[in-house]
């Protein structure tokens, strides 16, 4: 399920900036994206306001991945991000992708509902360090 939206050259990952799990996922990607391909922006920020439809930003219950003119959400976004990351992560993303999206999204919805309880919630969106600041849109 993809919606067409214009994006920059680099793929953008929009995430809940106060979610502990989401920030851990961003750290995971930063550590493995040696070429610095991905850009990041919190769903609470101005970049998301300009590029992500309001209904996707409203509940902060999804990760949004904008790449090559397409926007992927929920489990589709996670799968596409892993595929784009490459290496063994590409295989994992492809394995996730073959699971029918309604089933993938059920699992995603369960984790999304429990994420604050299991992984915590920050008081504010992350402040990127100077070393990675250029990778963040907000």
Protein backbone atom coordinates (compact mmCIF):
# COMPACT_ATOMS: atom_id res chain seq x y z
CA UNK A 1 0.00 0.00 0.00
CA UNK A 2 1.74 3.16 -1.15
CA UNK A 3 0.65 6.75 -1.58
CA UNK A 4 2.47 9.00 -4.02
CA UNK A 5 4.13 12.07 -2.52
CA UNK A 6 7.10 14.10 -3.67
CA UNK A 7 10.20 13.54 -1.54
CA UNK A 8 13.83 14.57 -1.55
CA UNK A 9 16.51 12.47 -3.20
CA UNK A 10 17.21 10.66 0.05
CA UNK A 11 14.55 8.45 1.61
CA UNK A 12 12.95 9.96 4.71
CA UNK A 13 11.85 8.09 7.82
CA UNK A 14 9.20 9.89 9.86
CA UNK A 15 8.91 8.56 13.40
CA UNK A 16 7.28 9.37 16.74
CA UNK A 17 9.95 11.57 18.28
CA UNK A 18 9.00 10.81 21.89
CA UNK A 19 8.64 7.02 21.54
CA UNK A 20 11.45 4.96 23.07
CA UNK A 21 11.03 2.13 20.56
CA UNK A 22 10.96 4.54 17.60
CA UNK A 23 14.13 6.27 18.78
CA UNK A 24 15.82 2.90 19.28
CA UNK A 25 14.89 2.01 15.68
CA UNK A 26 16.37 5.31 14.48
CA UNK A 27 19.59 4.56 16.42
CA UNK A 28 19.66 1.07 14.89
CA UNK A 29 19.41 2.58 11.40
CA UNK A 30 22.00 5.29 12.07
CA UNK A 31 24.47 2.62 13.21
CA UNK A 32 23.94 0.50 10.09
CA UNK A 33 23.46 3.14 7.38
CA UNK A 34 27.17 3.71 6.77
CA UNK A 35 26.55 5.66 3.55
CA UNK A 36 24.16 8.08 5.26
CA UNK A 37 21.32 7.41 2.84
CA UNK A 38 18.41 7.81 5.24
CA UNK A 39 17.08 11.14 6.50
CA UNK A 40 14.93 11.33 9.64
CA UNK A 41 12.19 13.59 10.92
CA UNK A 42 9.83 13.33 13.89
CA UNK A 43 6.13 13.14 13.08
CA UNK A 44 5.74 16.08 15.47
CA UNK A 45 7.97 18.34 13.34
CA UNK A 46 7.54 20.82 10.53
CA UNK A 47 8.94 18.51 7.83
CA UNK A 48 6.27 15.93 8.67
CA UNK A 49 3.63 18.64 8.70
CA UNK A 50 4.62 19.56 5.14
CA UNK A 51 5.17 16.04 3.74
CA UNK A 52 2.97 13.61 5.70
CA UNK A 53 -0.83 13.66 5.50
CA UNK A 54 -2.53 14.82 8.70
CA UNK A 55 -4.33 11.51 9.26
CA UNK A 56 -0.98 9.70 9.48
CA UNK A 57 0.46 12.27 11.90
CA UNK A 58 -2.62 12.47 14.12
CA UNK A 59 -2.21 9.40 16.30
CA UNK A 60 1.56 9.02 15.98
CA UNK A 61 0.84 5.30 15.69
CA UNK A 62 2.84 4.63 12.56
CA UNK A 63 6.25 4.98 11.07
CA UNK A 64 6.15 6.62 7.63
CA UNK A 65 8.77 5.92 4.97
CA UNK A 66 8.98 8.20 1.92
CA UNK A 67 11.19 6.86 -0.86
CA UNK A 68 11.29 7.31 -4.63
CA UNK A 69 7.97 9.14 -4.72
CA UNK A 70 6.11 6.53 -2.64
CA UNK A 71 5.03 6.66 0.97
CA UNK A 72 4.88 3.46 2.99
CA UNK A 73 3.26 3.14 6.42
CA UNK A 74 3.17 0.71 9.35
CA UNK A 75 4.64 -2.73 8.64
CA UNK A 76 5.10 -1.87 4.96
CA UNK A 77 7.36 1.00 6.00
CA UNK A 78 9.44 -1.21 8.30
CA UNK A 79 9.81 -3.85 5.59
CA UNK A 80 10.79 -1.29 2.93
CA UNK A 81 13.25 0.41 5.28
CA UNK A 82 14.98 -2.90 5.98
CA UNK A 83 15.10 -3.73 2.27
CA UNK A 84 16.60 -0.32 1.51
CA UNK A 85 19.13 -0.75 4.33
CA UNK A 86 20.57 -3.69 2.41
CA UNK A 87 22.77 -6.59 3.48
CA UNK A 88 21.13 -9.22 5.65
CA UNK A 89 18.51 -6.64 6.61
CA UNK A 90 17.28 -6.67 3.01
CA UNK A 91 16.53 -10.39 3.34
CA UNK A 92 14.62 -9.81 6.58
CA UNK A 93 12.64 -7.01 4.92
CA UNK A 94 11.81 -9.28 1.99
CA UNK A 95 10.69 -12.06 4.34
CA UNK A 96 8.40 -9.61 6.13
CA UNK A 97 7.11 -8.34 2.79
CA UNK A 98 5.85 -11.78 1.70
CA UNK A 99 3.58 -11.96 4.75
CA UNK A 100 0.19 -10.56 3.66
CA UNK A 101 0.00 -6.92 4.76
CA UNK A 102 -3.17 -7.33 6.86
CA UNK A 103 -1.37 -9.90 9.02
CA UNK A 104 1.80 -7.79 9.20
CA UNK A 105 -0.24 -4.77 10.23
CA UNK A 106 -2.01 -6.71 13.02
CA UNK A 107 1.40 -7.42 14.56
CA UNK A 108 2.45 -3.82 13.97
CA UNK A 109 -0.74 -2.53 15.65
CA UNK A 110 -0.14 -4.65 18.75
CA UNK A 111 3.43 -3.38 19.13
CA UNK A 112 2.30 0.18 18.41
CA UNK A 113 -0.33 0.03 21.15
CA UNK A 114 2.14 -1.30 23.72
CA UNK A 115 5.26 0.65 22.72
CA UNK A 116 5.06 3.42 25.32
CA UNK A 117 4.37 0.91 28.09
CA UNK A 118 7.20 -1.42 27.02
CA UNK A 119 9.82 1.05 25.75
CA UNK A 120 8.92 4.30 27.47
CA UNK A 121 8.04 7.78 26.33
CA UNK A 122 10.37 10.76 26.33
CA UNK A 123 9.34 14.22 27.47
CA UNK A 124 10.51 15.77 24.18
CA UNK A 125 11.71 14.80 20.72
CA UNK A 126 15.36 13.80 20.43
CA UNK A 127 18.04 16.39 19.80
CA UNK A 128 20.52 14.98 17.30
CA UNK A 129 24.20 15.24 18.09
CA UNK A 130 26.28 17.55 15.87
CA UNK A 131 27.75 14.48 14.11
CA UNK A 132 24.35 13.31 12.86
CA UNK A 133 22.50 16.65 12.72
CA UNK A 134 22.62 16.81 8.90
CA UNK A 135 20.65 13.55 8.70
CA UNK A 136 17.64 15.09 10.50
CA UNK A 137 15.18 17.41 8.78
CA UNK A 138 13.88 18.99 12.02
